[in-house]
């Protein structure tokens, strides 16, 4: 593989999820994608990207790596229940008072603090659930109109682009990741999986 960037990592994670699903439940990757809520176009994009990036012998190494992950998951008594986390925060939104506090003191991000905290909701949700940001329930909310949804998806994608992971954005990402860790602990320790 020539280069590993955040896009390649995203494709590898998506492919590993599909392969694990295939190993446990059987079926085609398309069927597994449907069960996992992954768009068919995303699967095609992943296979194309990895096909270009990985010669045939690396694909075998990828599959062996997924087998090792499966063995580790089988033997680990302290697995994270990501389905429970997704259920726990299905309706969660970044609390309005928390958002300006997270942005406080970061140069050139004052305008973000004055906006709705939708960006933070999507980024924190994706980190807590270790899911793709496009699966965040906020993006499917009827209250978020088509134009607003597209703007938010573009804003998140831009925020996640490695070239933009500098200065203030990098600091905000660090703060959001710490926030996500605390929220994940709450999800994992909640008696009913509720928030």
C-alpha atoms as a PDB file:
ATOM      1  CA  UNK A   1       0.000   0.000   0.000  1.00  0.00           C
ATOM      2  CA  UNK A   2       1.541   3.281  -1.065  1.00  0.00           C
ATOM      3  CA  UNK A   3       0.141   5.731   1.454  1.00  0.00           C
ATOM      4  CA  UNK A   4      -2.033   5.485   4.526  1.00  0.00           C
ATOM      5  CA  UNK A   5      -4.131   8.567   5.165  1.00  0.00           C
ATOM      6  CA  UNK A   6      -7.388   9.111   7.048  1.00  0.00           C
ATOM      7  CA  UNK A   7      -9.389   8.165   3.967  1.00  0.00           C
ATOM      8  CA  UNK A   8      -7.525   4.859   3.633  1.00  0.00           C
ATOM      9  CA  UNK A   9      -7.989   4.189   7.343  1.00  0.00           C
ATOM     10  CA  UNK A  10     -11.734   4.851   6.982  1.00  0.00           C
ATOM     11  CA  UNK A  11     -11.904   2.402   4.071  1.00  0.00           C
ATOM     12  CA  UNK A  12      -9.913  -0.227   5.988  1.00  0.00           C
ATOM     13  CA  UNK A  13     -12.197   0.133   9.020  1.00  0.00           C
ATOM     14  CA  UNK A  14     -15.295  -0.120   6.850  1.00  0.00           C
ATOM     15  CA  UNK A  15     -13.918  -3.188   5.062  1.00  0.00           C
ATOM     16  CA  UNK A  16     -12.931  -4.797   8.377  1.00  0.00           C
ATOM     17  CA  UNK A  17     -16.457  -4.263   9.727  1.00  0.00           C
ATOM     18  CA  UNK A  18     -17.944  -5.845   6.633  1.00  0.00           C
ATOM     19  CA  UNK A  19     -15.511  -8.771   6.767  1.00  0.00           C
ATOM     20  CA  UNK A  20     -16.249  -9.366  10.478  1.00  0.00           C
ATOM     21  CA  UNK A  21     -19.970  -9.308   9.718  1.00  0.00           C
ATOM     22  CA  UNK A  22     -19.453 -11.723   6.835  1.00  0.00           C
ATOM     23  CA  UNK A  23     -17.483 -14.050   9.136  1.00  0.00           C
ATOM     24  CA  UNK A  24     -20.131 -14.043  11.871  1.00  0.00           C
ATOM     25  CA  UNK A  25     -23.391 -13.887   9.939  1.00  0.00           C
ATOM     26  CA  UNK A  26     -22.472 -14.989   6.443  1.00  0.00           C
ATOM     27  CA  UNK A  27     -23.877 -13.401   3.332  1.00  0.00           C
ATOM     28  CA  UNK A  28     -22.392 -11.069   0.783  1.00  0.00           C
ATOM     29  CA  UNK A  29     -20.741  -7.779   1.598  1.00  0.00           C
ATOM     30  CA  UNK A  30     -23.772  -6.021   0.129  1.00  0.00           C
ATOM     31  CA  UNK A  31     -26.050  -7.899   2.560  1.00  0.00           C
ATOM     32  CA  UNK A  32     -23.681  -7.193   5.440  1.00  0.00           C
ATOM     33  CA  UNK A  33     -23.581  -3.510   4.492  1.00  0.00           C
ATOM     34  CA  UNK A  34     -27.365  -3.333   4.584  1.00  0.00           C
ATOM     35  CA  UNK A  35     -27.434  -4.924   8.047  1.00  0.00           C
ATOM     36  CA  UNK A  36     -24.768  -2.515   9.279  1.00  0.00           C
ATOM     37  CA  UNK A  37     -26.541   0.493   7.773  1.00  0.00           C
ATOM     38  CA  UNK A  38     -23.689   1.199   5.367  1.00  0.00           C
ATOM     39  CA  UNK A  39     -24.689   2.673   2.040  1.00  0.00           C
ATOM     40  CA  UNK A  40     -24.061   0.460  -0.989  1.00  0.00           C
ATOM     41  CA  UNK A  41     -22.175   3.300  -2.663  1.00  0.00           C
ATOM     42  CA  UNK A  42     -19.853   3.483   0.333  1.00  0.00           C
ATOM     43  CA  UNK A  43     -19.063  -0.218  -0.026  1.00  0.00           C
ATOM     44  CA  UNK A  44     -18.307   0.187  -3.733  1.00  0.00           C
ATOM     45  CA  UNK A  45     -16.143   3.216  -2.972  1.00  0.00           C
ATOM     46  CA  UNK A  46     -14.267   1.254  -0.294  1.00  0.00           C
ATOM     47  CA  UNK A  47     -13.627  -1.736  -2.530  1.00  0.00           C
ATOM     48  CA  UNK A  48     -12.440   0.533  -5.352  1.00  0.00           C
ATOM     49  CA  UNK A  49     -10.143   2.546  -3.063  1.00  0.00           C
ATOM     50  CA  UNK A  50      -8.627  -0.511  -1.414  1.00  0.00           C
ATOM     51  CA  UNK A  51      -8.316  -2.308  -4.741  1.00  0.00           C
ATOM     52  CA  UNK A  52      -6.201   0.570  -6.031  1.00  0.00           C
ATOM     53  CA  UNK A  53      -4.167   0.827  -2.832  1.00  0.00           C
ATOM     54  CA  UNK A  54      -3.544  -2.859  -2.116  1.00  0.00           C
ATOM     55  CA  UNK A  55      -1.944  -5.397  -4.409  1.00  0.00           C
ATOM     56  CA  UNK A  56      -3.331  -8.944  -4.152  1.00  0.00           C
ATOM     57  CA  UNK A  57      -0.856 -10.146  -1.530  1.00  0.00           C
ATOM     58  CA  UNK A  58      -1.832  -7.290   0.798  1.00  0.00           C
ATOM     59  CA  UNK A  59      -5.493  -8.289   0.551  1.00  0.00           C
ATOM     60  CA  UNK A  60      -4.541 -11.677   2.026  1.00  0.00           C
ATOM     61  CA  UNK A  61      -2.703  -9.840   4.799  1.00  0.00           C
ATOM     62  CA  UNK A  62      -5.804  -7.700   5.402  1.00  0.00           C
ATOM     63  CA  UNK A  63      -7.978 -10.815   5.743  1.00  0.00           C
ATOM     64  CA  UNK A  64      -5.447 -12.393   8.121  1.00  0.00           C
ATOM     65  CA  UNK A  65      -5.506  -9.172  10.159  1.00  0.00           C
ATOM     66  CA  UNK A  66      -9.297  -9.302  10.391  1.00  0.00           C
ATOM     67  CA  UNK A  67      -9.021 -12.940  11.527  1.00  0.00           C
ATOM     68  CA  UNK A  68      -6.668 -11.781  14.316  1.00  0.00           C
ATOM     69  CA  UNK A  69      -9.140  -9.055  15.293  1.00  0.00           C
ATOM     70  CA  UNK A  70     -11.945 -11.629  15.429  1.00  0.00           C
ATOM     71  CA  UNK A  71      -9.847 -13.927  17.632  1.00  0.00           C
ATOM     72  CA  UNK A  72      -9.030 -11.028  19.953  1.00  0.00           C
ATOM     73  CA  UNK A  73     -12.694 -10.034  20.166  1.00  0.00           C
ATOM     74  CA  UNK A  74     -13.638 -13.627  20.981  1.00  0.00           C
ATOM     75  CA  UNK A  75     -11.116 -13.823  23.811  1.00  0.00           C
ATOM     76  CA  UNK A  76     -11.669 -10.353  25.302  1.00  0.00           C
ATOM     77  CA  UNK A  77     -14.156 -10.391  28.200  1.00  0.00           C
ATOM     78  CA  UNK A  78     -14.243  -6.564  28.316  1.00  0.00           C
ATOM     79  CA  UNK A  79     -15.567  -5.782  24.853  1.00  0.00           C
ATOM     80  CA  UNK A  80     -17.201  -2.425  24.240  1.00  0.00           C
ATOM     81  CA  UNK A  81     -20.871  -2.712  23.357  1.00  0.00           C
ATOM     82  CA  UNK A  82     -21.065  -0.165  20.544  1.00  0.00           C
ATOM     83  CA  UNK A  83     -24.690  -1.046  19.788  1.00  0.00           C
ATOM     84  CA  UNK A  84     -25.526  -0.052  23.356  1.00  0.00           C
ATOM     85  CA  UNK A  85     -23.616   3.189  22.919  1.00  0.00           C
ATOM     86  CA  UNK A  86     -25.498   3.961  19.691  1.00  0.00           C
ATOM     87  CA  UNK A  87     -28.816   3.291  21.450  1.00  0.00           C
ATOM     88  CA  UNK A  88     -27.774   5.365  24.467  1.00  0.00           C
ATOM     89  CA  UNK A  89     -26.989   8.455  22.435  1.00  0.00           C
ATOM     90  CA  UNK A  90     -29.454   8.045  19.573  1.00  0.00           C
ATOM     91  CA  UNK A  91     -31.177  11.300  20.526  1.00  0.00           C
ATOM     92  CA  UNK A  92     -28.196  12.986  22.189  1.00  0.00           C
ATOM     93  CA  UNK A  93     -27.217  16.474  21.075  1.00  0.00           C
ATOM     94  CA  UNK A  94     -24.283  18.576  22.220  1.00  0.00           C
ATOM     95  CA  UNK A  95     -25.690  20.665  25.087  1.00  0.00           C
ATOM     96  CA  UNK A  96     -25.843  24.321  24.061  1.00  0.00           C
ATOM     97  CA  UNK A  97     -23.790  25.575  27.064  1.00  0.00           C
ATOM     98  CA  UNK A  98     -20.998  23.039  26.454  1.00  0.00           C
ATOM     99  CA  UNK A  99     -20.298  24.093  22.872  1.00  0.00           C
ATOM    100  CA  UNK A 100     -19.047  27.659  23.514  1.00  0.00           C
ATOM    101  CA  UNK A 101     -16.963  26.324  26.412  1.00  0.00           C
ATOM    102  CA  UNK A 102     -15.287  23.810  24.100  1.00  0.00           C
ATOM    103  CA  UNK A 103     -14.482  26.575  21.597  1.00  0.00           C
ATOM    104  CA  UNK A 104     -13.359  29.067  24.253  1.00  0.00           C
ATOM    105  CA  UNK A 105      -9.844  30.367  23.839  1.00  0.00           C
ATOM    106  CA  UNK A 106      -9.252  28.809  20.436  1.00  0.00           C
ATOM    107  CA  UNK A 107      -8.226  31.530  17.977  1.00  0.00           C
ATOM    108  CA  UNK A 108     -10.286  31.912  14.794  1.00  0.00           C
ATOM    109  CA  UNK A 109     -13.062  29.579  15.963  1.00  0.00           C
ATOM    110  CA  UNK A 110     -15.286  32.141  17.652  1.00  0.00           C
ATOM    111  CA  UNK A 111     -17.750  31.939  14.754  1.00  0.00           C
ATOM    112  CA  UNK A 112     -18.266  28.213  15.426  1.00  0.00           C
ATOM    113  CA  UNK A 113     -19.151  28.884  19.053  1.00  0.00           C
ATOM    114  CA  UNK A 114     -22.001  31.142  17.900  1.00  0.00           C
ATOM    115  CA  UNK A 115     -23.478  28.462  15.606  1.00  0.00           C
ATOM    116  CA  UNK A 116     -25.696  25.547  16.517  1.00  0.00           C
ATOM    117  CA  UNK A 117     -23.524  22.765  17.955  1.00  0.00           C
ATOM    118  CA  UNK A 118     -24.474  20.324  15.179  1.00  0.00           C
ATOM    119  CA  UNK A 119     -20.843  19.898  14.091  1.00  0.00           C
ATOM    120  CA  UNK A 120     -19.870  18.894  17.632  1.00  0.00           C
ATOM    121  CA  UNK A 121     -22.836  16.529  17.898  1.00  0.00           C
ATOM    122  CA  UNK A 122     -21.801  14.628  14.771  1.00  0.00           C
ATOM    123  CA  UNK A 123     -18.089  14.503  15.628  1.00  0.00           C
ATOM    124  CA  UNK A 124     -18.643  13.387  19.229  1.00  0.00           C
ATOM    125  CA  UNK A 125     -21.291  10.846  18.207  1.00  0.00           C
ATOM    126  CA  UNK A 126     -18.910   9.334  15.622  1.00  0.00           C
ATOM    127  CA  UNK A 127     -16.108   9.092  18.178  1.00  0.00           C
ATOM    128  CA  UNK A 128     -18.262   7.561  20.939  1.00  0.00           C
ATOM    129  CA  UNK A 129     -19.819   4.986  18.628  1.00  0.00           C
ATOM    130  CA  UNK A 130     -16.723   4.495  16.433  1.00  0.00           C
ATOM    131  CA  UNK A 131     -19.158   4.703  13.541  1.00  0.00           C
ATOM    132  CA  UNK A 132     -19.016   6.697  10.358  1.00  0.00           C
ATOM    133  CA  UNK A 133     -20.186  10.266  10.818  1.00  0.00           C
ATOM    134  CA  UNK A 134     -22.748   9.831   8.030  1.00  0.00           C
ATOM    135  CA  UNK A 135     -24.648   7.407  10.297  1.00  0.00           C
ATOM    136  CA  UNK A 136     -25.201  10.020  13.016  1.00  0.00           C
ATOM    137  CA  UNK A 137     -28.954  10.207  13.765  1.00  0.00           C
ATOM    138  CA  UNK A 138     -28.845  14.009  13.676  1.00  0.00           C
ATOM    139  CA  UNK A 139     -28.218  13.817   9.928  1.00  0.00           C
ATOM    140  CA  UNK A 140     -31.492  11.926   9.491  1.00  0.00           C
ATOM    141  CA  UNK A 141     -33.509  14.239  11.741  1.00  0.00           C
ATOM    142  CA  UNK A 142     -36.492  15.802   9.932  1.00  0.00           C
ATOM    143  CA  UNK A 143     -35.761  19.125  11.625  1.00  0.00           C
ATOM    144  CA  UNK A 144     -32.514  19.335   9.662  1.00  0.00           C
ATOM    145  CA  UNK A 145     -33.485  20.429   6.157  1.00  0.00           C
ATOM    146  CA  UNK A 146     -31.767  19.194   3.008  1.00  0.00           C
ATOM    147  CA  UNK A 147     -29.620  22.267   2.514  1.00  0.00           C
ATOM    148  CA  UNK A 148     -28.636  22.355   6.210  1.00  0.00           C
ATOM    149  CA  UNK A 149     -27.871  18.624   6.129  1.00  0.00           C
ATOM    150  CA  UNK A 150     -25.615  19.007   3.086  1.00  0.00           C
ATOM    151  CA  UNK A 151     -23.852  21.987   4.659  1.00  0.00           C
ATOM    152  CA  UNK A 152     -23.293  20.027   7.886  1.00  0.00           C
ATOM    153  CA  UNK A 153     -21.989  16.936   6.049  1.00  0.00           C
ATOM    154  CA  UNK A 154     -19.599  19.167   4.081  1.00  0.00           C
ATOM    155  CA  UNK A 155     -18.517  20.954   7.268  1.00  0.00           C
ATOM    156  CA  UNK A 156     -17.800  17.647   9.044  1.00  0.00           C
ATOM    157  CA  UNK A 157     -15.927  16.242   6.033  1.00  0.00           C
ATOM    158  CA  UNK A 158     -13.823  19.373   5.820  1.00  0.00           C
ATOM    159  CA  UNK A 159     -13.139  19.224   9.552  1.00  0.00           C
ATOM    160  CA  UNK A 160     -11.982  15.597   9.239  1.00  0.00           C
ATOM    161  CA  UNK A 161      -9.711  16.260   6.253  1.00  0.00           C
ATOM    162  CA  UNK A 162      -6.075  15.818   7.344  1.00  0.00           C
ATOM    163  CA  UNK A 163      -4.998  19.025   5.586  1.00  0.00           C
ATOM    164  CA  UNK A 164      -7.342  20.958   7.884  1.00  0.00           C
ATOM    165  CA  UNK A 165      -6.125  19.302  11.098  1.00  0.00           C
ATOM    166  CA  UNK A 166      -4.058  22.297  12.146  1.00  0.00           C
ATOM    167  CA  UNK A 167      -3.936  24.911  14.867  1.00  0.00           C
ATOM    168  CA  UNK A 168      -7.400  25.752  16.191  1.00  0.00           C
ATOM    169  CA  UNK A 169      -9.202  22.885  14.478  1.00  0.00           C
ATOM    170  CA  UNK A 170      -6.679  20.419  15.864  1.00  0.00           C
ATOM    171  CA  UNK A 171      -7.170  21.794  19.379  1.00  0.00           C
ATOM    172  CA  UNK A 172     -10.951  21.670  19.017  1.00  0.00           C
ATOM    173  CA  UNK A 173     -10.707  18.087  17.766  1.00  0.00           C
ATOM    174  CA  UNK A 174      -8.610  17.201  20.829  1.00  0.00           C
ATOM    175  CA  UNK A 175     -11.214  18.772  23.139  1.00  0.00           C
ATOM    176  CA  UNK A 176     -14.077  17.014  21.349  1.00  0.00           C
ATOM    177  CA  UNK A 177     -12.245  13.681  21.618  1.00  0.00           C
ATOM    178  CA  UNK A 178     -11.841  14.173  25.388  1.00  0.00           C
ATOM    179  CA  UNK A 179     -15.524  15.093  25.631  1.00  0.00           C
ATOM    180  CA  UNK A 180     -16.355  11.905  23.699  1.00  0.00           C
ATOM    181  CA  UNK A 181     -14.312   9.795  26.125  1.00  0.00           C
ATOM    182  CA  UNK A 182     -16.346  11.135  29.059  1.00  0.00           C
ATOM    183  CA  UNK A 183     -19.622  10.556  27.211  1.00  0.00           C
ATOM    184  CA  UNK A 184     -18.545   7.005  26.294  1.00  0.00           C
ATOM    185  CA  UNK A 185     -17.836   6.254  29.965  1.00  0.00           C
ATOM    186  CA  UNK A 186     -21.341   7.494  30.840  1.00  0.00           C
ATOM    187  CA  UNK A 187     -22.849   5.247  28.158  1.00  0.00           C
ATOM    188  CA  UNK A 188     -20.874   2.223  29.315  1.00  0.00           C
ATOM    189  CA  UNK A 189     -21.696   2.717  32.991  1.00  0.00           C
ATOM    190  CA  UNK A 190     -25.413   3.514  32.585  1.00  0.00           C
ATOM    191  CA  UNK A 191     -27.440   0.630  34.083  1.00  0.00           C
ATOM    192  CA  UNK A 192     -29.958   0.425  31.230  1.00  0.00           C
ATOM    193  CA  UNK A 193     -27.753   1.782  28.483  1.00  0.00           C
ATOM    194  CA  UNK A 194     -29.736   5.013  28.778  1.00  0.00           C
ATOM    195  CA  UNK A 195     -28.296   8.489  28.835  1.00  0.00           C
END
